[in-house]
Amino acid sequence: MTKIKICGMMRCEDIEAVNEAMPDYIGFVFARNRKRTVAYETAAEMKKKLDKRINAVGVFLNNEMTEIEKLCKDGIIDIVQLHGSEDEAFIRELRKRISNPVIKAVSVRSAEDIISAETLPVDYLLLDTYKKGIIGGTGESFDWRMIPKINKPFFLAGGLNETNIEAAMNFGAYGLDVSSGAETNGKKDKIKILSIIRKVRGD
């Protein structure tokens, strides 16, 4: 069954919503100066309230390796998602320091972008929309028909919402990553989260 991730947790109310909806993953954004960025202390408080069956993903954009390592070792995140220019050498060094699974985001312009990223020493890829000058968080989808057949499991991100989440399930993704599509006026919307998860799970 396709997994579902609700990214961009910012408030304890968001945790209450996901504990009811039970996605497979949630995301805390630690990338600097993003509208959903959370502080260590805020994420720690939310993780304590999070249902233990839901995995917490930490989203990073060229953060210091020591910061990633601390969040993993303190148990605030279960999985690392790298969204920046982290190269193979960075990833290999990180993996020496942590045992957590690693996701690497790919800004997709062509099938070749995906094929080349498959060689990286990560557990999953995350395929996101390319937009010049913007890394992630575009709220727009790309042409999913360009996704080639690859062996590495991947999350599909970018512009997913209630209206297209079922169509997105037809493109071979291990998981679907929703952020702004689960919000109303910039805040997580429990009704939308429940609706999206029901559609993915066929409830």
C-alpha atoms as a PDB file:
ATOM      1  CA  MET A   1       0.000   0.000   0.000  1.00  0.00           C
ATOM      2  CA  THR A   2       1.234   3.493  -0.840  1.00  0.00           C
ATOM      3  CA  LYS A   3       2.634   5.323   2.189  1.00  0.00           C
ATOM      4  CA  ILE A   4       1.607   8.860   3.071  1.00  0.00           C
ATOM      5  CA  LYS A   5       3.661  11.671   4.619  1.00  0.00           C
ATOM      6  CA  ILE A   6       2.219  14.929   5.929  1.00  0.00           C
ATOM      7  CA  CYS A   7       5.056  17.450   6.016  1.00  0.00           C
ATOM      8  CA  GLY A   8       5.469  20.780   7.765  1.00  0.00           C
ATOM      9  CA  MET A   9       4.253  20.188  11.318  1.00  0.00           C
ATOM     10  CA  MET A  10       4.359  23.504  13.192  1.00  0.00           C
ATOM     11  CA  ARG A  11       1.886  23.333  16.090  1.00  0.00           C
ATOM     12  CA  CYS A  12       0.746  20.865  18.729  1.00  0.00           C
ATOM     13  CA  GLU A  13      -2.690  21.020  17.058  1.00  0.00           C
ATOM     14  CA  ASP A  14      -1.039  19.584  13.949  1.00  0.00           C
ATOM     15  CA  ILE A  15       0.149  16.605  15.989  1.00  0.00           C
ATOM     16  CA  GLU A  16      -3.346  16.060  17.371  1.00  0.00           C
ATOM     17  CA  ALA A  17      -4.644  15.986  13.792  1.00  0.00           C
ATOM     18  CA  VAL A  18      -2.098  13.468  12.530  1.00  0.00           C
ATOM     19  CA  ASN A  19      -2.508  11.272  15.602  1.00  0.00           C
ATOM     20  CA  GLU A  20      -6.158  10.957  14.593  1.00  0.00           C
ATOM     21  CA  ALA A  21      -5.460  10.503  10.882  1.00  0.00           C
ATOM     22  CA  MET A  22      -2.413   8.204  11.307  1.00  0.00           C
ATOM     23  CA  PRO A  23      -0.223   8.901   8.265  1.00  0.00           C
ATOM     24  CA  ASP A  24       2.892   6.744   7.974  1.00  0.00           C
ATOM     25  CA  TYR A  25       5.221   9.753   8.274  1.00  0.00           C
ATOM     26  CA  ILE A  26       5.179  13.388   9.320  1.00  0.00           C
ATOM     27  CA  GLY A  27       7.793  16.027   8.598  1.00  0.00           C
ATOM     28  CA  PHE A  28       9.542  18.667  10.687  1.00  0.00           C
ATOM     29  CA  VAL A  29      11.290  21.335   8.594  1.00  0.00           C
ATOM     30  CA  PHE A  30      14.688  22.369   9.949  1.00  0.00           C
ATOM     31  CA  ALA A  31      15.798  24.128   6.769  1.00  0.00           C
ATOM     32  CA  ARG A  32      16.650  27.739   7.575  1.00  0.00           C
ATOM     33  CA  ASN A  33      14.235  30.604   6.882  1.00  0.00           C
ATOM     34  CA  ARG A  34      11.376  28.581   5.447  1.00  0.00           C
ATOM     35  CA  LYS A  35       7.783  29.362   6.350  1.00  0.00           C
ATOM     36  CA  ARG A  36       7.355  26.000   8.090  1.00  0.00           C
ATOM     37  CA  THR A  37      10.733  25.952   9.864  1.00  0.00           C
ATOM     38  CA  VAL A  38      10.544  24.766  13.476  1.00  0.00           C
ATOM     39  CA  ALA A  39      13.041  25.137  16.304  1.00  0.00           C
ATOM     40  CA  TYR A  40      14.642  22.158  18.020  1.00  0.00           C
ATOM     41  CA  GLU A  41      12.590  22.763  21.178  1.00  0.00           C
ATOM     42  CA  THR A  42       9.298  22.965  19.289  1.00  0.00           C
ATOM     43  CA  ALA A  43      10.015  19.762  17.374  1.00  0.00           C
ATOM     44  CA  ALA A  44      11.033  18.008  20.606  1.00  0.00           C
ATOM     45  CA  GLU A  45       7.723  18.964  22.232  1.00  0.00           C
ATOM     46  CA  MET A  46       5.729  17.796  19.220  1.00  0.00           C
ATOM     47  CA  LYS A  47       7.646  14.503  18.962  1.00  0.00           C
ATOM     48  CA  LYS A  48       6.719  13.683  22.559  1.00  0.00           C
ATOM     49  CA  LYS A  49       3.040  14.034  21.638  1.00  0.00           C
ATOM     50  CA  LEU A  50       3.337  12.141  18.330  1.00  0.00           C
ATOM     51  CA  ASP A  51       1.885   8.626  18.169  1.00  0.00           C
ATOM     52  CA  LYS A  52       4.823   6.204  18.332  1.00  0.00           C
ATOM     53  CA  ARG A  53       3.587   4.402  15.220  1.00  0.00           C
ATOM     54  CA  ILE A  54       4.200   7.501  13.060  1.00  0.00           C
ATOM     55  CA  ASN A  55       7.756   8.128  11.844  1.00  0.00           C
ATOM     56  CA  ALA A  56       9.094  11.693  12.118  1.00  0.00           C
ATOM     57  CA  VAL A  57      11.177  12.930   9.181  1.00  0.00           C
ATOM     58  CA  GLY A  58      13.569  15.860   9.564  1.00  0.00           C
ATOM     59  CA  VAL A  59      13.822  18.044   6.466  1.00  0.00           C
ATOM     60  CA  PHE A  60      17.189  19.752   5.938  1.00  0.00           C
ATOM     61  CA  LEU A  61      18.609  22.148   3.377  1.00  0.00           C
ATOM     62  CA  ASN A  62      22.406  22.387   3.624  1.00  0.00           C
ATOM     63  CA  ASN A  63      22.255  22.263   7.437  1.00  0.00           C
ATOM     64  CA  GLU A  64      25.345  21.445   9.474  1.00  0.00           C
ATOM     65  CA  MET A  65      25.928  17.727   9.838  1.00  0.00           C
ATOM     66  CA  THR A  66      26.238  18.096  13.607  1.00  0.00           C
ATOM     67  CA  GLU A  67      22.696  19.506  13.787  1.00  0.00           C
ATOM     68  CA  ILE A  68      21.302  16.545  11.855  1.00  0.00           C
ATOM     69  CA  GLU A  69      23.268  14.127  14.011  1.00  0.00           C
ATOM     70  CA  LYS A  70      21.967  15.674  17.273  1.00  0.00           C
ATOM     71  CA  LEU A  71      18.318  15.530  16.178  1.00  0.00           C
ATOM     72  CA  CYS A  72      18.758  11.849  15.285  1.00  0.00           C
ATOM     73  CA  LYS A  73      20.593  10.908  18.457  1.00  0.00           C
ATOM     74  CA  ASP A  74      18.115  12.801  20.642  1.00  0.00           C
ATOM     75  CA  GLY A  75      15.273  10.809  19.078  1.00  0.00           C
ATOM     76  CA  ILE A  76      13.450  13.848  17.709  1.00  0.00           C
ATOM     77  CA  ILE A  77      13.575  12.510  14.157  1.00  0.00           C
ATOM     78  CA  ASP A  78      13.546   8.955  12.848  1.00  0.00           C
ATOM     79  CA  ILE A  79      14.462   9.666   9.225  1.00  0.00           C
ATOM     80  CA  VAL A  80      16.638  12.305   7.535  1.00  0.00           C
ATOM     81  CA  GLN A  81      15.495  14.104   4.372  1.00  0.00           C
ATOM     82  CA  LEU A  82      18.173  16.108   2.537  1.00  0.00           C
ATOM     83  CA  HIS A  83      16.855  18.828   0.247  1.00  0.00           C
ATOM     84  CA  GLY A  84      19.976  20.819  -0.572  1.00  0.00           C
ATOM     85  CA  SER A  85      23.259  20.351  -2.406  1.00  0.00           C
ATOM     86  CA  GLU A  86      24.434  17.549  -0.098  1.00  0.00           C
ATOM     87  CA  ASP A  87      26.670  15.358  -2.263  1.00  0.00           C
ATOM     88  CA  GLU A  88      27.703  11.723  -2.070  1.00  0.00           C
ATOM     89  CA  ALA A  89      30.661  12.485   0.219  1.00  0.00           C
ATOM     90  CA  PHE A  90      28.416  14.352   2.668  1.00  0.00           C
ATOM     91  CA  ILE A  91      25.879  11.529   2.674  1.00  0.00           C
ATOM     92  CA  ARG A  92      28.531   8.855   3.254  1.00  0.00           C
ATOM     93  CA  GLU A  93      30.005  10.771   6.185  1.00  0.00           C
ATOM     94  CA  LEU A  94      26.534  11.353   7.653  1.00  0.00           C
ATOM     95  CA  ARG A  95      25.765   7.650   7.418  1.00  0.00           C
ATOM     96  CA  LYS A  96      28.877   6.869   9.427  1.00  0.00           C
ATOM     97  CA  ARG A  97      27.490   9.027  12.235  1.00  0.00           C
ATOM     98  CA  ILE A  98      23.830   7.960  12.253  1.00  0.00           C
ATOM     99  CA  SER A  99      21.870   4.754  11.708  1.00  0.00           C
ATOM    100  CA  ASN A 100      18.668   6.505  10.578  1.00  0.00           C
ATOM    101  CA  PRO A 101      17.352   6.010   7.045  1.00  0.00           C
ATOM    102  CA  VAL A 102      18.111   8.838   4.595  1.00  0.00           C
ATOM    103  CA  ILE A 103      15.927  10.384   1.870  1.00  0.00           C
ATOM    104  CA  LYS A 104      17.469  12.591  -0.835  1.00  0.00           C
ATOM    105  CA  ALA A 105      15.255  15.066  -2.650  1.00  0.00           C
ATOM    106  CA  VAL A 106      15.598  15.539  -6.410  1.00  0.00           C
ATOM    107  CA  SER A 107      14.344  18.647  -8.204  1.00  0.00           C
ATOM    108  CA  VAL A 108      13.091  16.984 -11.362  1.00  0.00           C
ATOM    109  CA  ARG A 109      13.691  18.564 -14.745  1.00  0.00           C
ATOM    110  CA  SER A 110      14.143  15.324 -16.675  1.00  0.00           C
ATOM    111  CA  ALA A 111      14.203  11.549 -16.261  1.00  0.00           C
ATOM    112  CA  GLU A 112      18.014  11.766 -16.238  1.00  0.00           C
ATOM    113  CA  ASP A 113      17.906  13.744 -12.962  1.00  0.00           C
ATOM    114  CA  ILE A 114      16.141  10.811 -11.334  1.00  0.00           C
ATOM    115  CA  ILE A 115      18.329   8.131 -12.895  1.00  0.00           C
ATOM    116  CA  SER A 116      21.548   9.828 -11.782  1.00  0.00           C
ATOM    117  CA  ALA A 117      20.255  10.338  -8.231  1.00  0.00           C
ATOM    118  CA  GLU A 118      19.468   6.641  -7.918  1.00  0.00           C
ATOM    119  CA  THR A 119      23.192   5.911  -7.482  1.00  0.00           C
ATOM    120  CA  LEU A 120      23.394   7.998  -4.270  1.00  0.00           C
ATOM    121  CA  PRO A 121      23.889   6.012  -1.027  1.00  0.00           C
ATOM    122  CA  VAL A 122      20.429   6.755   0.351  1.00  0.00           C
ATOM    123  CA  ASP A 123      17.414   4.624   1.221  1.00  0.00           C
ATOM    124  CA  TYR A 124      14.819   6.654  -0.661  1.00  0.00           C
ATOM    125  CA  LEU A 125      14.565   9.446  -3.194  1.00  0.00           C
ATOM    126  CA  LEU A 126      11.985  12.220  -3.024  1.00  0.00           C
ATOM    127  CA  LEU A 127      10.949  13.533  -6.426  1.00  0.00           C
ATOM    128  CA  ASP A 128       9.931  17.176  -6.283  1.00  0.00           C
ATOM    129  CA  THR A 129       9.123  19.943  -8.734  1.00  0.00           C
ATOM    130  CA  TYR A 130      11.977  21.978 -10.189  1.00  0.00           C
ATOM    131  CA  LYS A 131      11.455  25.720 -10.143  1.00  0.00           C
ATOM    132  CA  LYS A 132      14.320  28.092 -10.797  1.00  0.00           C
ATOM    133  CA  GLY A 133      15.486  29.810  -7.624  1.00  0.00           C
ATOM    134  CA  ILE A 134      13.232  27.747  -5.355  1.00  0.00           C
ATOM    135  CA  ILE A 135      14.189  24.503  -3.615  1.00  0.00           C
ATOM    136  CA  GLY A 136      11.142  22.531  -2.529  1.00  0.00           C
ATOM    137  CA  GLY A 137       7.887  23.968  -1.280  1.00  0.00           C
ATOM    138  CA  THR A 138       6.715  25.154  -4.702  1.00  0.00           C
ATOM    139  CA  GLY A 139       3.177  23.855  -4.198  1.00  0.00           C
ATOM    140  CA  GLU A 140       3.260  22.805  -7.864  1.00  0.00           C
ATOM    141  CA  SER A 141       3.411  19.355  -9.431  1.00  0.00           C
ATOM    142  CA  PHE A 142       5.610  18.250 -12.332  1.00  0.00           C
ATOM    143  CA  ASP A 143       4.831  15.940 -15.242  1.00  0.00           C
ATOM    144  CA  TRP A 144       4.800  12.566 -13.481  1.00  0.00           C
ATOM    145  CA  ARG A 145       4.902  10.780 -16.837  1.00  0.00           C
ATOM    146  CA  MET A 146       8.627  11.517 -17.021  1.00  0.00           C
ATOM    147  CA  ILE A 147       9.369   9.288 -14.002  1.00  0.00           C
ATOM    148  CA  PRO A 148      11.429   6.335 -15.278  1.00  0.00           C
ATOM    149  CA  LYS A 149      11.335   2.838 -13.812  1.00  0.00           C
ATOM    150  CA  ILE A 150      13.886   2.813 -10.999  1.00  0.00           C
ATOM    151  CA  ASN A 151      14.745   0.273  -8.327  1.00  0.00           C
ATOM    152  CA  LYS A 152      15.140   2.686  -5.414  1.00  0.00           C
ATOM    153  CA  PRO A 153      11.860   3.448  -3.624  1.00  0.00           C
ATOM    154  CA  PHE A 154      10.754   7.054  -3.908  1.00  0.00           C
ATOM    155  CA  PHE A 155       8.378   9.585  -2.438  1.00  0.00           C
ATOM    156  CA  LEU A 156       6.450  11.819  -4.835  1.00  0.00           C
ATOM    157  CA  ALA A 157       6.090  15.457  -3.761  1.00  0.00           C
ATOM    158  CA  GLY A 158       5.038  18.811  -5.176  1.00  0.00           C
ATOM    159  CA  GLY A 159       1.511  20.138  -5.365  1.00  0.00           C
ATOM    160  CA  LEU A 160      -0.251  17.039  -4.026  1.00  0.00           C
ATOM    161  CA  ASN A 161      -3.719  17.621  -2.618  1.00  0.00           C
ATOM    162  CA  GLU A 162      -7.211  16.111  -2.340  1.00  0.00           C
ATOM    163  CA  THR A 163      -7.883  16.549  -6.051  1.00  0.00           C
ATOM    164  CA  ASN A 164      -4.837  14.739  -7.471  1.00  0.00           C
ATOM    165  CA  ILE A 165      -3.656  12.395  -4.712  1.00  0.00           C
ATOM    166  CA  GLU A 166      -5.433   9.367  -6.188  1.00  0.00           C
ATOM    167  CA  ALA A 167      -3.957   9.994  -9.648  1.00  0.00           C
ATOM    168  CA  ALA A 168      -0.501  10.305  -8.074  1.00  0.00           C
ATOM    169  CA  MET A 169      -0.800   6.755  -6.779  1.00  0.00           C
ATOM    170  CA  ASN A 170      -0.536   5.445 -10.350  1.00  0.00           C
ATOM    171  CA  PHE A 171       3.124   6.387 -10.873  1.00  0.00           C
ATOM    172  CA  GLY A 172       4.928   3.810  -8.773  1.00  0.00           C
ATOM    173  CA  ALA A 173       5.753   5.909  -5.719  1.00  0.00           C
ATOM    174  CA  TYR A 174       6.543   4.197  -2.434  1.00  0.00           C
ATOM    175  CA  GLY A 175       5.033   7.210  -0.673  1.00  0.00           C
ATOM    176  CA  LEU A 176       3.246  10.493  -1.320  1.00  0.00           C
ATOM    177  CA  ASP A 177       4.405  13.674   0.414  1.00  0.00           C
ATOM    178  CA  VAL A 178       1.783  16.359   1.106  1.00  0.00           C
ATOM    179  CA  SER A 179       2.401  19.750   2.690  1.00  0.00           C
ATOM    180  CA  SER A 180       0.517  22.824   1.450  1.00  0.00           C
ATOM    181  CA  GLY A 181      -2.216  20.570   0.031  1.00  0.00           C
ATOM    182  CA  ALA A 182      -3.142  19.643   3.613  1.00  0.00           C
ATOM    183  CA  GLU A 183      -3.471  23.276   4.708  1.00  0.00           C
ATOM    184  CA  THR A 184      -6.026  26.070   4.796  1.00  0.00           C
ATOM    185  CA  ASN A 185      -4.698  29.623   5.115  1.00  0.00           C
ATOM    186  CA  GLY A 186      -1.184  28.337   5.777  1.00  0.00           C
ATOM    187  CA  LYS A 187      -2.131  26.032   8.652  1.00  0.00           C
ATOM    188  CA  LYS A 188      -2.639  22.291   8.699  1.00  0.00           C
ATOM    189  CA  ASP A 189      -6.298  21.382   8.221  1.00  0.00           C
ATOM    190  CA  LYS A 190      -7.439  18.210   9.978  1.00  0.00           C
ATOM    191  CA  ILE A 191     -10.346  17.707   7.580  1.00  0.00           C
ATOM    192  CA  LYS A 192      -8.024  17.839   4.565  1.00  0.00           C
ATOM    193  CA  ILE A 193      -5.489  15.523   6.231  1.00  0.00           C
ATOM    194  CA  LEU A 194      -8.201  12.953   6.994  1.00  0.00           C
ATOM    195  CA  SER A 195      -9.606  13.222   3.467  1.00  0.00           C
ATOM    196  CA  ILE A 196      -6.201  12.751   1.812  1.00  0.00           C
ATOM    197  CA  ILE A 197      -5.347   9.724   3.916  1.00  0.00           C
ATOM    198  CA  ARG A 198      -8.725   8.118   3.301  1.00  0.00           C
ATOM    199  CA  LYS A 199      -8.243   8.520  -0.439  1.00  0.00           C
ATOM    200  CA  VAL A 200      -4.769   6.991  -0.380  1.00  0.00           C
ATOM    201  CA  ARG A 201      -5.911   4.040   1.719  1.00  0.00           C
ATOM    202  CA  GLY A 202      -9.196   3.573  -0.107  1.00  0.00           C
ATOM    203  CA  ASP A 203     -11.311   3.957   3.034  1.00  0.00           C
END
